[in-house]
Protein backbone atom coordinates (compact mmCIF):
# COMPACT_ATOMS: atom_id res chain seq x y z
CA UNK A 1 14.03 21.47 147.43
CA UNK A 2 13.35 18.55 145.07
CA UNK A 3 12.48 20.80 142.08
CA UNK A 4 15.81 22.63 142.52
CA UNK A 5 17.70 19.35 142.65
CA UNK A 6 15.97 18.13 139.49
CA UNK A 7 16.65 21.42 137.70
CA UNK A 8 20.28 21.38 138.82
CA UNK A 9 20.73 17.79 137.71
CA UNK A 10 19.16 18.61 134.33
CA UNK A 11 21.53 21.54 133.88
CA UNK A 12 24.56 19.39 134.74
CA UNK A 13 23.46 16.75 132.22
CA UNK A 14 22.89 19.47 129.60
CA UNK A 15 26.39 20.82 130.14
CA UNK A 16 27.92 17.35 129.97
CA UNK A 17 26.02 16.43 126.80
CA UNK A 18 27.06 19.62 125.03
CA UNK A 19 30.65 19.89 126.25
CA UNK A 20 31.99 16.31 126.27
CA UNK A 21 31.58 15.77 122.50
CA UNK A 22 33.41 19.04 121.85
CA UNK A 23 36.48 17.80 123.73
CA UNK A 24 36.33 14.39 122.05
CA UNK A 25 36.02 15.84 118.55
CA UNK A 26 39.42 17.50 118.57
CA UNK A 27 40.41 20.14 116.03
CA UNK A 28 38.63 20.25 112.68
CA UNK A 29 40.36 18.18 110.02
CA UNK A 30 38.76 19.71 106.95
CA UNK A 31 40.30 23.15 107.42
CA UNK A 32 36.96 24.72 108.25
CA UNK A 33 36.73 26.71 111.44
CA UNK A 34 33.78 27.11 113.78
CA UNK A 35 32.41 29.99 111.69
CA UNK A 36 31.96 27.66 108.71
CA UNK A 37 30.06 25.18 110.84
CA UNK A 38 27.85 27.95 112.21
CA UNK A 39 27.13 29.28 108.72
CA UNK A 40 25.89 25.92 107.54
CA UNK A 41 23.60 25.59 110.53
CA UNK A 42 23.70 23.30 113.54
CA UNK A 43 24.03 19.58 112.89
CA UNK A 44 23.03 19.88 109.22
CA UNK A 45 24.54 16.55 108.27
CA UNK A 46 23.18 14.67 111.27
CA UNK A 47 26.67 13.63 112.32
CA UNK A 48 29.24 15.16 114.61
CA UNK A 49 28.87 16.94 117.87
CA UNK A 50 26.53 19.77 118.80
CA UNK A 51 27.84 23.31 118.78
CA UNK A 52 29.78 24.28 121.90
CA UNK A 53 27.85 25.38 124.97
CA UNK A 54 27.37 29.12 125.20
CA UNK A 55 26.76 31.30 128.22
CA UNK A 56 23.26 32.05 126.95
CA UNK A 57 20.64 29.51 128.08
CA UNK A 58 18.34 30.45 125.17
CA UNK A 59 21.07 29.63 122.65
CA UNK A 60 21.62 26.29 124.36
CA UNK A 61 17.86 25.60 124.34
CA UNK A 62 17.66 26.41 120.62
CA UNK A 63 20.58 24.05 119.91
CA UNK A 64 18.81 21.25 121.75
CA UNK A 65 15.56 22.05 119.92
CA UNK A 66 17.35 21.84 116.55
CA UNK A 67 18.98 18.56 117.55
CA UNK A 68 15.60 17.08 118.58
CA UNK A 69 13.88 18.26 115.39
CA UNK A 70 16.66 16.81 113.26
CA UNK A 71 16.51 13.51 115.16
CA UNK A 72 12.74 13.36 114.62
CA UNK A 73 13.14 14.08 110.90
CA UNK A 74 15.64 11.24 110.52
CA UNK A 75 13.49 8.85 112.54
CA UNK A 76 15.85 8.73 115.53
CA UNK A 77 13.16 8.81 118.19
CA UNK A 78 15.54 7.53 120.88
CA UNK A 79 17.82 10.56 120.52
CA UNK A 80 14.85 12.94 120.33
CA UNK A 81 13.37 11.45 123.50
CA UNK A 82 16.72 11.55 125.28
CA UNK A 83 17.12 15.30 124.81
CA UNK A 84 13.49 16.35 125.41
CA UNK A 85 13.70 16.88 129.19
CA UNK A 86 16.93 18.87 128.86
CA UNK A 87 15.50 21.08 126.11
CA UNK A 88 12.28 21.75 128.03
CA UNK A 89 14.28 22.61 131.14
CA UNK A 90 16.61 24.89 129.15
CA UNK A 91 13.69 26.86 127.68
CA UNK A 92 12.05 27.15 131.10
CA UNK A 93 15.31 28.49 132.54
CA UNK A 94 15.63 30.96 129.64
CA UNK A 95 12.28 32.61 130.50
CA UNK A 96 10.84 35.04 129.69
CA UNK A 97 10.61 33.72 126.13
CA UNK A 98 9.65 35.49 122.95
CA UNK A 99 7.02 34.00 120.63
CA UNK A 100 9.59 31.85 118.84
CA UNK A 101 10.95 30.41 122.08
CA UNK A 102 7.44 29.76 123.38
CA UNK A 103 6.58 28.01 120.11
CA UNK A 104 9.62 25.76 120.47
CA UNK A 105 8.78 25.01 124.10
CA UNK A 106 5.15 24.22 123.28
CA UNK A 107 6.18 21.78 120.55
CA UNK A 108 8.64 20.08 122.88
CA UNK A 109 6.02 19.80 125.61
CA UNK A 110 3.61 18.21 123.12
CA UNK A 111 6.27 15.74 121.97
CA UNK A 112 6.97 14.91 125.63
CA UNK A 113 3.31 14.03 126.23
CA UNK A 114 2.52 17.20 128.20
CA UNK A 115 -0.42 18.62 126.20
CA UNK A 116 -1.78 20.78 129.02
CA UNK A 117 1.60 22.46 129.52
CA UNK A 118 1.99 22.81 125.74
CA UNK A 119 -1.43 24.44 125.47
CA UNK A 120 -0.65 26.85 128.30
CA UNK A 121 2.62 27.83 126.61
CA UNK A 122 0.91 28.33 123.23
CA UNK A 123 -1.74 30.49 124.90
CA UNK A 124 1.06 32.77 126.16
CA UNK A 125 1.92 33.49 122.53
CA UNK A 126 -1.73 34.12 121.68
CA UNK A 127 -2.14 36.46 124.65
CA UNK A 128 0.35 38.79 122.94
CA UNK A 129 -0.95 38.19 119.41
CA UNK A 130 -4.21 36.25 118.98
CA UNK A 131 -3.57 35.70 115.25
CA UNK A 132 0.01 34.41 115.58
CA UNK A 133 0.24 31.42 113.23
CA UNK A 134 2.87 29.54 115.22
CA UNK A 135 0.92 30.08 118.44
CA UNK A 136 -2.33 28.96 116.83
CA UNK A 137 -0.66 25.87 115.37
CA UNK A 138 0.98 24.90 118.66
CA UNK A 139 -2.31 25.45 120.51
CA UNK A 140 -4.24 23.37 117.97
CA UNK A 141 -1.78 20.48 118.23
CA UNK A 142 -1.73 20.60 122.03
CA UNK A 143 -5.53 20.75 122.27
CA UNK A 144 -5.78 17.79 119.90
CA UNK A 145 -3.35 15.79 122.05
CA UNK A 146 -5.31 16.70 125.17
CA UNK A 147 -8.49 15.33 123.58
CA UNK A 148 -10.08 18.77 123.20
CA UNK A 149 -11.15 18.23 119.60
CA UNK A 150 -13.58 21.16 119.37
CA UNK A 151 -11.02 23.57 120.81
CA UNK A 152 -8.40 22.23 118.41
CA UNK A 153 -10.69 22.73 115.42
CA UNK A 154 -11.34 26.28 116.59
CA UNK A 155 -7.61 27.04 116.45
CA UNK A 156 -7.34 25.41 113.02
CA UNK A 157 -10.29 27.47 111.74
CA UNK A 158 -8.64 30.62 113.05
CA UNK A 159 -5.44 29.70 111.17
CA UNK A 160 -7.37 29.48 107.90
CA UNK A 161 -9.15 32.75 108.63
CA UNK A 162 -6.00 34.79 109.30
CA UNK A 163 -3.42 32.96 107.16
CA UNK A 164 -3.70 35.10 103.99
CA UNK A 165 -2.75 38.31 105.82
CA UNK A 166 -0.84 36.96 108.83
CA UNK A 167 1.59 34.88 106.75
CA UNK A 168 2.71 38.06 104.94
CA UNK A 169 3.86 39.77 108.13
CA UNK A 170 7.62 40.14 108.39
CA UNK A 171 8.01 38.67 111.87
CA UNK A 172 11.41 37.18 112.59
CA UNK A 173 9.90 33.89 113.74
CA UNK A 174 7.87 33.66 110.50
CA UNK A 175 11.06 34.12 108.50
CA UNK A 176 12.87 31.53 110.63
CA UNK A 177 10.01 29.05 110.13
CA UNK A 178 9.12 30.01 106.54
CA UNK A 179 9.12 26.36 105.46
CA UNK A 180 6.69 25.46 108.27
CA UNK A 181 4.01 28.06 107.50
CA UNK A 182 2.58 26.34 104.38
CA UNK A 183 2.50 23.05 106.30
CA UNK A 184 0.54 24.76 109.07
CA UNK A 185 -2.03 25.95 106.56
CA UNK A 186 -2.24 22.52 104.92
CA UNK A 187 -2.72 20.81 108.28
CA UNK A 188 -5.43 23.30 109.22
CA UNK A 189 -7.30 22.59 105.98
CA UNK A 190 -7.07 18.87 106.60
CA UNK A 191 -8.24 19.11 110.23
CA UNK A 192 -11.19 21.40 109.52
CA UNK A 193 -12.69 19.21 106.77
């Protein structure tokens, strides 16, 4: 029963973290409604509360992912670390995941020091599409963290091999991560040298 207790406790903490700031924030003072905040993207300014909790666990997981990524970008490792277990749990509860969700989960697992779990998650993406750039990148990073240098280089080589054609595909997750794709290629070039 322990895994169920841990999962339940994680869900309760997730709900508290996402709901309490909403009640503390009060009504918006700038005249902008929730649609304006949603249009500008979650937590764009790095201040304020997260978007309200939805009934969809995947939406909640994505909100936590965005919060963690923003915290990492601003150098707030304490906040990123604080939300990692909740985000991982939320993605696991939202299963089955599409390629984008699996990519997010794999990155979070890598950041949490779980390279074997991250590699397994990335391989799920590659099982459906062996040339998927996000899956290859997540697998390469996870393999590197796990100390599997040759395997990691293999994924990076594959990225360079398929990037010219694969990056032109109009997959939703490629559009959502359009700014990440060139960085994936650049990292692959650096790692393969």
